[in-house]
Amino acid sequence: MAINTFARKEIKFLLDMQQYTELMKVISEYMEPDKYCVGGKEYGIYNIYYDTPDDYLIRTSLSKPYYKEKIRLRSYYSPASPDDLVFLEIKKKIGGIVTKRRVSMTLEESDRYFADRTKPKMHKYITEQVFRELDVFLDQYPIAPKQYISYQREAFFGKDNSDFRLTFDRKITDRRYDLSLGRESYGNYIIGADQRLMEVKVGDAMPDWLVRKLSELKIYKTSFSKYGRAYQNYVKDSLEHEKKIYVSGISMINNSILMNRSV
């Protein structure tokens, strides 16, 4: 059973194809491709996000609090089979610093854990700690699968600093039905075919070469949550089609969805 724990900053940028192409011309000078991306390859990431019946976790997240948290189940296979490895993750953001703790198990084991808290065999104390944290989370929130999100990713790490990572995501796909990693990846795209979502993942400051290149290409920081964007699209579509949604703390002003901070 694998576990991964880290704390870092995650800074996001939405690039058009010209910006992406120009930036990629200098990437190889300073960065190495992830082991799954050698030769220009991408890899798929497939997620199920869990939330409460009234979508409390994502509504709270969109109000931009000092502290927020979410839970998701992630696979690198689509569709995943019952014995494929998946990763159950708790991700928290505290004052701009992102922490993530995750444990791995099979998809079948994850179904059992969510059903009755049956845990896989554990051999490490740190794994037991993370499961205790997961248990507390599930005791606090009556969660269920609420959102599917997948995407294709290119990933790189710094030649001089392997903790510095750069990722580019495309074909970000969402749906609020067929909420199982055992299903094929399909749904609606939430960014354009000519766009890439870039994330800078770093423990301290961005390297000078990247800062200069971003300035040269007029690439600016943005606030972008995949789950958040998918949820806002869902709410907007529901309001426009007069569907019944039972959500407090939502306003629609000038065709934009606003999440009230008081929620």
Protein backbone atom coordinates (compact mmCIF):
# COMPACT_ATOMS: atom_id res chain seq x y z
CA MET A 1 0.00 0.00 0.00
CA ALA A 2 1.49 3.33 -1.08
CA ILE A 3 1.12 6.67 0.63
CA ASN A 4 2.02 10.17 -0.46
CA THR A 5 2.14 13.27 1.72
CA PHE A 6 3.34 16.74 0.78
CA ALA A 7 2.84 20.48 1.28
CA ARG A 8 3.33 22.99 -1.53
CA LYS A 9 1.96 25.98 -3.41
CA GLU A 10 -0.13 25.35 -6.52
CA ILE A 11 -0.39 28.28 -8.93
CA LYS A 12 -2.67 28.01 -11.96
CA PHE A 13 -2.63 29.60 -15.40
CA LEU A 14 -4.99 29.17 -18.37
CA LEU A 15 -3.01 29.22 -21.64
CA ASP A 16 -4.10 29.54 -25.25
CA MET A 17 -2.33 27.40 -27.84
CA GLN A 18 0.13 30.10 -28.90
CA GLN A 19 1.23 30.68 -25.30
CA TYR A 20 1.47 26.94 -24.69
CA THR A 21 3.53 26.34 -27.85
CA GLU A 22 5.97 29.16 -27.07
CA LEU A 23 6.42 28.07 -23.46
CA MET A 24 7.05 24.47 -24.46
CA LYS A 25 10.01 25.61 -26.59
CA VAL A 26 12.00 26.38 -23.43
CA ILE A 27 10.70 23.68 -21.07
CA SER A 28 13.29 21.07 -22.10
CA GLU A 29 16.13 23.44 -21.22
CA TYR A 30 15.14 23.55 -17.56
CA MET A 31 12.89 20.56 -16.92
CA GLU A 32 12.67 16.81 -17.43
CA PRO A 33 9.50 14.98 -18.44
CA ASP A 34 7.75 12.88 -15.84
CA LYS A 35 8.55 9.18 -16.20
CA TYR A 36 5.07 8.63 -17.66
CA CYS A 37 5.52 11.42 -20.23
CA VAL A 38 8.77 10.48 -21.97
CA GLY A 39 8.66 11.05 -25.71
CA GLY A 40 5.86 13.59 -25.55
CA LYS A 41 3.38 11.13 -24.10
CA GLU A 42 0.46 12.17 -21.93
CA TYR A 43 -1.29 10.15 -19.27
CA GLY A 44 -4.90 10.14 -18.14
CA ILE A 45 -6.15 11.05 -14.67
CA TYR A 46 -9.67 10.00 -13.66
CA ASN A 47 -11.38 11.23 -10.50
CA ILE A 48 -14.55 10.88 -8.49
CA TYR A 49 -15.15 13.81 -6.11
CA TYR A 50 -17.28 13.20 -3.03
CA ASP A 51 -19.52 15.76 -1.39
CA THR A 52 -22.51 16.16 0.89
CA PRO A 53 -26.12 16.05 -0.40
CA ASP A 54 -26.17 19.87 -0.56
CA ASP A 55 -22.63 20.14 -2.07
CA TYR A 56 -21.28 21.80 1.06
CA LEU A 57 -17.61 21.07 0.37
CA ILE A 58 -17.47 22.63 -3.09
CA ARG A 59 -19.69 25.56 -2.10
CA THR A 60 -17.37 26.30 0.80
CA SER A 61 -14.34 25.97 -1.47
CA LEU A 62 -15.75 28.44 -4.01
CA SER A 63 -16.26 31.05 -1.30
CA LYS A 64 -12.43 31.14 -1.02
CA PRO A 65 -12.03 30.56 2.73
CA TYR A 66 -8.69 30.53 4.51
CA TYR A 67 -9.11 26.78 5.04
CA LYS A 68 -10.82 24.29 2.74
CA GLU A 69 -10.73 20.56 2.11
CA LYS A 70 -11.96 17.97 -0.36
CA ILE A 71 -11.88 14.22 -0.86
CA ARG A 72 -11.56 12.31 -4.11
CA LEU A 73 -10.85 8.88 -5.49
CA ARG A 74 -8.30 8.81 -8.31
CA SER A 75 -7.32 6.26 -10.94
CA TYR A 76 -4.85 6.22 -13.80
CA TYR A 77 -6.91 3.66 -15.73
CA SER A 78 -10.16 4.14 -17.62
CA PRO A 79 -12.25 2.21 -17.11
CA ALA A 80 -10.71 0.84 -13.91
CA SER A 81 -11.28 -2.83 -13.08
CA PRO A 82 -12.09 -3.99 -9.52
CA ASP A 83 -8.47 -5.07 -8.91
CA ASP A 84 -6.85 -1.92 -10.36
CA LEU A 85 -5.01 0.38 -7.98
CA VAL A 86 -6.80 3.61 -6.98
CA PHE A 87 -5.85 6.43 -4.63
CA LEU A 88 -8.10 7.91 -1.96
CA GLU A 89 -6.96 11.46 -1.27
CA ILE A 90 -7.72 14.20 1.22
CA LYS A 91 -6.55 17.54 -0.10
CA LYS A 92 -6.48 20.66 2.06
CA LYS A 93 -5.57 24.26 1.41
CA ILE A 94 -4.58 26.45 4.34
CA GLY A 95 -3.63 30.03 3.61
CA GLY A 96 -2.43 29.21 0.10
CA ILE A 97 -0.42 26.11 1.08
CA VAL A 98 -1.75 22.83 -0.31
CA THR A 99 -1.33 19.55 1.56
CA LYS A 100 -2.34 16.15 0.26
CA ARG A 101 -2.42 12.79 2.00
CA ARG A 102 -3.44 9.65 0.18
CA VAL A 103 -3.57 5.91 0.49
CA SER A 104 -3.78 3.32 -2.25
CA MET A 105 -6.00 0.27 -2.53
CA THR A 106 -7.89 -1.56 -5.23
CA LEU A 107 -11.13 -0.17 -6.59
CA GLU A 108 -12.99 -3.07 -4.98
CA GLU A 109 -11.37 -2.29 -1.62
CA SER A 110 -12.35 1.37 -1.92
CA ASP A 111 -15.98 0.34 -2.49
CA ARG A 112 -15.88 -1.73 0.71
CA TYR A 113 -14.27 1.10 2.66
CA PHE A 114 -16.96 3.59 1.67
CA ALA A 115 -19.70 1.02 2.29
CA ASP A 116 -18.78 -0.07 5.82
CA ARG A 117 -15.28 1.29 6.63
CA THR A 118 -13.60 -2.06 5.96
CA LYS A 119 -9.93 -1.25 5.45
CA PRO A 120 -7.28 -3.11 3.45
CA LYS A 121 -4.46 -4.80 5.30
CA MET A 122 -1.99 -2.20 6.55
CA HIS A 123 1.66 -2.63 7.45
CA LYS A 124 2.71 0.97 8.14
CA TYR A 125 1.78 3.26 11.00
CA ILE A 126 1.54 6.29 8.70
CA THR A 127 -1.07 4.46 6.61
CA GLU A 128 -3.14 3.86 9.74
CA GLN A 129 -2.85 7.58 10.53
CA VAL A 130 -4.25 8.58 7.15
CA PHE A 131 -7.12 6.13 7.48
CA ARG A 132 -7.93 7.61 10.89
CA GLU A 133 -8.02 11.02 9.23
CA LEU A 134 -10.31 9.62 6.54
CA ASP A 135 -12.57 8.10 9.18
CA VAL A 136 -12.88 11.47 10.93
CA PHE A 137 -13.70 13.13 7.61
CA LEU A 138 -16.43 10.57 6.87
CA ASP A 139 -17.83 10.94 10.40
CA GLN A 140 -18.05 14.69 9.89
CA TYR A 141 -19.52 14.76 6.38
CA PRO A 142 -22.27 12.48 4.99
CA ILE A 143 -20.59 12.25 1.60
CA ALA A 144 -21.45 10.42 -1.60
CA PRO A 145 -20.03 10.47 -5.15
CA LYS A 146 -21.04 13.78 -6.74
CA GLN A 147 -18.71 14.64 -9.65
CA TYR A 148 -16.61 12.85 -12.26
CA ILE A 149 -13.63 14.72 -13.70
CA SER A 150 -10.91 13.41 -16.03
CA TYR A 151 -8.14 14.98 -18.09
CA GLN A 152 -5.01 14.26 -20.09
CA ARG A 153 -1.79 15.51 -18.50
CA GLU A 154 1.77 16.36 -19.47
CA ALA A 155 4.06 16.66 -16.47
CA PHE A 156 7.62 17.89 -15.92
CA PHE A 157 9.98 18.34 -12.97
CA GLY A 158 12.92 20.71 -12.55
CA LYS A 159 16.39 19.52 -13.49
CA ASP A 160 17.86 21.35 -10.51
CA ASN A 161 14.89 20.88 -8.19
CA SER A 162 12.78 17.74 -8.47
CA ASP A 163 10.20 19.22 -6.06
CA PHE A 164 9.36 21.86 -8.69
CA ARG A 165 6.69 20.47 -11.01
CA LEU A 166 4.86 21.85 -14.01
CA THR A 167 1.74 20.19 -15.43
CA PHE A 168 -0.43 20.89 -18.49
CA ASP A 169 -3.97 19.51 -18.59
CA ARG A 170 -6.30 19.29 -21.58
CA LYS A 171 -9.61 17.59 -22.38
CA ILE A 172 -10.86 18.35 -18.86
CA THR A 173 -14.08 16.36 -18.86
CA ASP A 174 -16.92 16.38 -16.33
CA ARG A 175 -20.22 14.68 -15.65
CA ARG A 176 -22.58 14.31 -12.68
CA TYR A 177 -23.86 10.83 -13.53
CA ASP A 178 -22.31 7.38 -14.03
CA LEU A 179 -20.17 8.24 -11.02
CA SER A 180 -17.81 5.29 -11.04
CA LEU A 181 -14.19 4.88 -12.04
CA GLY A 182 -15.31 1.63 -13.59
CA ARG A 183 -17.02 3.63 -16.35
CA GLU A 184 -15.39 5.00 -19.50
CA SER A 185 -14.23 8.62 -19.57
CA TYR A 186 -16.84 10.81 -21.28
CA GLY A 187 -18.84 13.96 -20.62
CA ASN A 188 -18.60 17.70 -21.24
CA TYR A 189 -15.37 19.63 -21.73
CA ILE A 190 -14.91 22.54 -19.32
CA ILE A 191 -12.07 24.30 -21.16
CA GLY A 192 -11.66 24.85 -24.89
CA ALA A 193 -9.83 22.47 -27.22
CA ASP A 194 -7.31 25.28 -27.81
CA GLN A 195 -6.60 25.80 -24.09
CA ARG A 196 -4.28 24.21 -21.54
CA LEU A 197 -4.56 24.49 -17.77
CA MET A 198 -1.05 24.88 -16.42
CA GLU A 199 -0.23 24.31 -12.76
CA VAL A 200 3.03 25.36 -11.15
CA LYS A 201 3.66 23.18 -8.09
CA VAL A 202 6.50 24.43 -5.94
CA GLY A 203 7.59 24.42 -2.32
CA ASP A 204 8.92 27.98 -2.36
CA ALA A 205 9.27 30.53 -5.18
CA MET A 206 8.97 30.00 -8.92
CA PRO A 207 12.34 29.94 -10.72
CA ASP A 208 13.42 33.18 -12.40
CA TRP A 209 13.42 31.72 -15.93
CA LEU A 210 9.75 30.81 -15.64
CA VAL A 211 8.77 34.17 -14.19
CA ARG A 212 10.50 35.92 -17.10
CA LYS A 213 8.86 33.66 -19.70
CA LEU A 214 5.39 34.05 -18.23
CA SER A 215 5.81 37.84 -18.30
CA GLU A 216 7.09 37.77 -21.89
CA LEU A 217 4.12 35.67 -23.06
CA LYS A 218 1.59 37.63 -20.99
CA ILE A 219 0.53 34.54 -19.08
CA TYR A 220 -1.20 35.58 -15.87
CA LYS A 221 -2.20 33.72 -12.73
CA THR A 222 -5.82 32.67 -12.50
CA SER A 223 -8.15 31.07 -9.98
CA PHE A 224 -9.34 27.77 -11.43
CA SER A 225 -10.76 24.71 -9.73
CA LYS A 226 -11.74 21.81 -11.97
CA TYR A 227 -14.44 20.64 -9.58
CA GLY A 228 -15.44 24.25 -8.93
CA ARG A 229 -15.83 25.05 -12.62
CA ALA A 230 -17.81 21.86 -13.21
CA TYR A 231 -20.11 22.66 -10.28
CA GLN A 232 -20.66 26.25 -11.43
CA ASN A 233 -21.57 24.97 -14.91
CA TYR A 234 -24.03 22.54 -13.33
CA VAL A 235 -25.68 25.27 -11.23
CA LYS A 236 -25.86 27.67 -14.17
CA ASP A 237 -27.40 25.01 -16.41
CA SER A 238 -29.91 24.11 -13.68
CA LEU A 239 -30.95 27.73 -13.20
CA GLU A 240 -31.23 28.41 -16.92
CA HIS A 241 -33.43 25.34 -17.42
CA GLU A 242 -35.40 25.97 -14.22
CA LYS A 243 -34.37 22.66 -12.73
CA LYS A 244 -34.92 22.24 -9.01
CA ILE A 245 -31.71 22.43 -7.00
CA TYR A 246 -31.71 22.71 -3.24
CA VAL A 247 -28.69 24.86 -2.55
CA SER A 248 -28.37 27.83 -0.23
CA GLY A 249 -25.82 30.61 -0.57
CA ILE A 250 -25.95 30.91 -4.39
CA SER A 251 -26.62 34.08 -6.34
CA MET A 252 -26.76 34.58 -10.09
CA ILE A 253 -25.73 38.09 -11.16
CA ASN A 254 -25.05 39.15 -14.75
CA ASN A 255 -25.13 35.51 -15.84
CA SER A 256 -22.41 34.60 -13.32
CA ILE A 257 -22.68 32.21 -10.37
CA LEU A 258 -21.61 33.68 -7.01
CA MET A 259 -21.05 31.68 -3.84
CA ASN A 260 -21.83 33.69 -0.73
CA ARG A 261 -19.07 33.56 1.88
CA SER A 262 -21.62 33.24 4.68
CA VAL A 263 -22.51 29.67 3.63
